[in-house]
């Protein structure tokens, strides 16, 4: 019973990790309107990758949405998918006017769905392998035969996490079982509850966790770094409006307080686009994404 109370308390702390980023709860993000309907109104839909629970994304991105709306004179509606499969399907059907998404999904959207780069976050990301600090696991090899929590199978974090267990030079593959979760913040809690031996999470999301939770976790693996989030705009948005959206996005990222804004904490403003070297680095993950799509 005491253990259950401990886990419940940790779960409440875990859910509270986003509270400093939003003052009041807000309703879930709206569903995307059909593209044809959007074209007849002064409104843009902004699709945000569901790297957090949808109920958290609405309040978390309210300030950035309101800022972009004010600066561009356009009503912007934030939206997401119920899960990654739905979100990526919406992106590939060009249902969003703007989209904030992972780098490999963004590159595929540019190649296949008529999106254009608005800005590329300068910050990079990597996958980290986490265990309960009281466990005996010290390296990925110690997890042989164990259950490991991964984020959704379409995320680049899950792809990077699987590389911890692949054959390396002079070392065989490590036989583990995977449990995929809709949201990557679920994995560490599962590790603390003993439901899995380890969990994979993006380092940027790990930084959002309450210090009380991080104190009970230990990192035993870190992946290579890859480019960070991409902000895209669909080519149906007129060029003048695209430029206003870009200028407003850069202004917001450079002026908003990162202590209370998740968008700023996960995306460092950059004038750069995704270069050829970065695209080559992402190419294998784009191909893996294509294989994993339903």
Foldseek 3Di string as FASTA:
>chain_A
DVLVVVLVVQVVLQVCLQCLQFPDFDDFFDDFDAPVVPVVFLEFEEEEEPQDQRRSVCRQCVVVQVLLCVLLVGRYGYHYDNFRLRRLVCLLCVRGQKYKDWPLSVVVSVVRPQKDFLFFFQDWKKKWKKAFPPDPDQAPLVQAAWEEEEEAPLHVQRVQVLVSQPADVVGHGGHYHYDYDRHQSVRLSCRVSVVTGIYMDMPLVVVSRDPVSVVRMDTRDIGDIATGITMIGGPVPDPVSSNSSSVSSLVCLVPPDVSRHSVNSRGRGDPDDQDPVRCVVSVVSSVVSVVPRD
